[in-house]
Amino acid sequence: METNKTINIAGMTCSSCERLITKAVESEGGKVNSISATSGKAVVDYPDGALERIKTVIAASGYS
């Protein structure tokens, strides 16, 4: 079962940041439905149990 969540992400400033975060989310089995550097938010679908891993890879990519 997949869950949908809006995640606040500090430090995004451009479309390159959005692409990097999208790849990080996808590496953990998630899917980015929408992402905005302007608002600092991403709407993500993810499998059960993957949210903490997704947050970890986002942080490891330099965002919080």
N, C-alpha and C. Protein backbone atom coordinates (compact mmCIF):
# COMPACT_ATOMS: atom_id res chain seq x y z
N MET A 1 0.84 -1.18 0.00
CA MET A 1 0.00 0.00 0.00
C MET A 1 0.88 1.24 0.00
N GLU A 2 0.50 2.23 -0.79
CA GLU A 2 1.25 3.48 -0.83
C GLU A 2 0.56 4.55 -0.01
N THR A 3 1.37 5.44 0.50
CA THR A 3 0.90 6.56 1.29
C THR A 3 1.35 7.84 0.60
N ASN A 4 0.58 8.91 0.76
CA ASN A 4 0.89 10.20 0.15
C ASN A 4 1.16 11.19 1.27
N LYS A 5 2.22 11.98 1.12
CA LYS A 5 2.57 12.96 2.14
C LYS A 5 3.23 14.17 1.51
N THR A 6 2.95 15.34 2.07
CA THR A 6 3.67 16.55 1.71
C THR A 6 4.84 16.70 2.67
N ILE A 7 6.03 16.83 2.11
CA ILE A 7 7.25 16.94 2.91
C ILE A 7 7.82 18.34 2.73
N ASN A 8 8.13 19.01 3.83
CA ASN A 8 8.81 20.29 3.78
C ASN A 8 10.30 20.03 3.62
N ILE A 9 10.92 20.72 2.66
CA ILE A 9 12.34 20.51 2.37
C ILE A 9 13.03 21.87 2.32
N ALA A 10 13.89 22.13 3.28
CA ALA A 10 14.63 23.39 3.32
C ALA A 10 15.90 23.27 2.48
N GLY A 11 16.24 24.33 1.79
CA GLY A 11 17.50 24.39 1.05
C GLY A 11 17.36 24.26 -0.45
N MET A 12 16.16 23.94 -0.94
CA MET A 12 15.96 23.88 -2.40
C MET A 12 15.94 25.28 -2.95
N THR A 13 16.71 25.52 -4.02
CA THR A 13 16.73 26.86 -4.60
C THR A 13 16.46 26.89 -6.10
N CYS A 14 16.48 25.72 -6.74
CA CYS A 14 16.37 25.73 -8.21
C CYS A 14 15.86 24.38 -8.73
N SER A 15 15.71 24.31 -10.05
CA SER A 15 15.22 23.08 -10.67
C SER A 15 16.22 21.94 -10.53
N SER A 16 17.50 22.24 -10.44
CA SER A 16 18.49 21.18 -10.21
C SER A 16 18.28 20.53 -8.85
N CYS A 17 17.95 21.33 -7.86
CA CYS A 17 17.64 20.80 -6.52
C CYS A 17 16.41 19.88 -6.60
N GLU A 18 15.40 20.33 -7.33
CA GLU A 18 14.19 19.51 -7.48
C GLU A 18 14.51 18.17 -8.12
N ARG A 19 15.35 18.17 -9.17
CA ARG A 19 15.72 16.91 -9.83
C ARG A 19 16.51 16.00 -8.90
N LEU A 20 17.43 16.56 -8.15
CA LEU A 20 18.24 15.77 -7.22
C LEU A 20 17.36 15.11 -6.15
N ILE A 21 16.43 15.86 -5.61
CA ILE A 21 15.54 15.31 -4.59
C ILE A 21 14.62 14.26 -5.20
N THR A 22 14.13 14.50 -6.41
CA THR A 22 13.28 13.51 -7.08
C THR A 22 14.03 12.19 -7.24
N LYS A 23 15.27 12.25 -7.67
CA LYS A 23 16.07 11.03 -7.83
C LYS A 23 16.29 10.35 -6.49
N ALA A 24 16.52 11.12 -5.45
CA ALA A 24 16.73 10.55 -4.11
C ALA A 24 15.46 9.82 -3.64
N VAL A 25 14.31 10.44 -3.84
CA VAL A 25 13.04 9.83 -3.44
C VAL A 25 12.81 8.54 -4.23
N GLU A 26 13.06 8.59 -5.52
CA GLU A 26 12.86 7.41 -6.37
C GLU A 26 13.81 6.27 -5.99
N SER A 27 15.00 6.60 -5.50
CA SER A 27 15.96 5.57 -5.11
C SER A 27 15.46 4.74 -3.94
N GLU A 28 14.49 5.26 -3.20
CA GLU A 28 13.91 4.55 -2.05
C GLU A 28 12.51 4.03 -2.35
N GLY A 29 12.15 4.00 -3.63
CA GLY A 29 10.86 3.44 -4.01
C GLY A 29 9.70 4.42 -3.99
N GLY A 30 9.99 5.70 -3.77
CA GLY A 30 8.95 6.71 -3.75
C GLY A 30 8.73 7.34 -5.11
N LYS A 31 7.69 8.14 -5.21
CA LYS A 31 7.38 8.87 -6.44
C LYS A 31 6.99 10.29 -6.06
N VAL A 32 7.63 11.26 -6.71
CA VAL A 32 7.32 12.67 -6.46
C VAL A 32 6.17 13.07 -7.37
N ASN A 33 5.04 13.47 -6.78
CA ASN A 33 3.90 13.95 -7.56
C ASN A 33 4.06 15.40 -7.95
N SER A 34 4.60 16.18 -7.03
CA SER A 34 4.91 17.58 -7.33
C SER A 34 6.02 18.02 -6.38
N ILE A 35 6.81 18.97 -6.87
CA ILE A 35 7.91 19.50 -6.06
C ILE A 35 8.14 20.95 -6.45
N SER A 36 8.43 21.79 -5.48
CA SER A 36 8.62 23.21 -5.74
C SER A 36 9.73 23.77 -4.87
N ALA A 37 10.77 24.25 -5.51
CA ALA A 37 11.85 24.92 -4.78
C ALA A 37 11.33 26.21 -4.16
N THR A 38 10.39 26.86 -4.83
CA THR A 38 9.84 28.12 -4.33
C THR A 38 9.13 27.94 -3.00
N SER A 39 8.29 26.89 -2.91
CA SER A 39 7.55 26.65 -1.67
C SER A 39 8.32 25.78 -0.68
N GLY A 40 9.35 25.07 -1.18
CA GLY A 40 10.11 24.18 -0.31
C GLY A 40 9.32 22.95 0.09
N LYS A 41 8.47 22.47 -0.82
CA LYS A 41 7.62 21.31 -0.52
C LYS A 41 7.65 20.31 -1.66
N ALA A 42 7.48 19.05 -1.29
CA ALA A 42 7.33 17.97 -2.26
C ALA A 42 6.17 17.10 -1.81
N VAL A 43 5.31 16.73 -2.75
CA VAL A 43 4.24 15.78 -2.49
C VAL A 43 4.71 14.44 -3.01
N VAL A 44 4.79 13.46 -2.11
CA VAL A 44 5.45 12.20 -2.40
C VAL A 44 4.52 11.02 -2.10
N ASP A 45 4.47 10.05 -3.01
CA ASP A 45 3.86 8.75 -2.74
C ASP A 45 5.00 7.82 -2.37
N TYR A 46 4.77 6.97 -1.37
CA TYR A 46 5.84 6.06 -0.96
C TYR A 46 5.23 4.79 -0.38
N PRO A 47 5.96 3.69 -0.51
CA PRO A 47 5.47 2.43 0.06
C PRO A 47 5.53 2.47 1.59
N ASP A 48 4.71 1.63 2.20
CA ASP A 48 4.72 1.55 3.66
C ASP A 48 6.13 1.35 4.19
N GLY A 49 6.46 2.10 5.22
CA GLY A 49 7.75 1.96 5.87
C GLY A 49 8.90 2.71 5.22
N ALA A 50 8.66 3.41 4.13
CA ALA A 50 9.76 4.06 3.41
C ALA A 50 9.96 5.53 3.76
N LEU A 51 9.05 6.13 4.51
CA LEU A 51 9.15 7.58 4.76
C LEU A 51 10.46 7.97 5.44
N GLU A 52 10.85 7.26 6.46
CA GLU A 52 12.09 7.62 7.16
C GLU A 52 13.31 7.46 6.26
N ARG A 53 13.33 6.42 5.43
CA ARG A 53 14.44 6.24 4.48
C ARG A 53 14.47 7.39 3.48
N ILE A 54 13.30 7.82 3.02
CA ILE A 54 13.23 8.94 2.08
C ILE A 54 13.76 10.21 2.72
N LYS A 55 13.34 10.47 3.95
CA LYS A 55 13.83 11.66 4.66
C LYS A 55 15.35 11.59 4.85
N THR A 56 15.86 10.40 5.12
CA THR A 56 17.30 10.20 5.30
C THR A 56 18.07 10.50 4.02
N VAL A 57 17.59 10.01 2.87
CA VAL A 57 18.33 10.27 1.62
C VAL A 57 18.22 11.74 1.22
N ILE A 58 17.10 12.38 1.54
CA ILE A 58 16.98 13.82 1.26
C ILE A 58 18.02 14.57 2.10
N ALA A 59 18.13 14.23 3.38
CA ALA A 59 19.11 14.88 4.26
C ALA A 59 20.53 14.59 3.80
N ALA A 60 20.78 13.35 3.37
CA ALA A 60 22.12 12.98 2.88
C ALA A 60 22.48 13.73 1.61
N SER A 61 21.47 14.20 0.89
CA SER A 61 21.70 14.98 -0.33
C SER A 61 21.96 16.46 -0.03
N GLY A 62 21.88 16.83 1.25
CA GLY A 62 22.21 18.20 1.65
C GLY A 62 21.01 19.08 1.94
N TYR A 63 19.84 18.49 2.06
CA TYR A 63 18.62 19.26 2.33
C TYR A 63 18.05 18.83 3.67
N SER A 64 17.20 19.67 4.24
CA SER A 64 16.61 19.31 5.53
C SER A 64 15.11 19.57 5.54
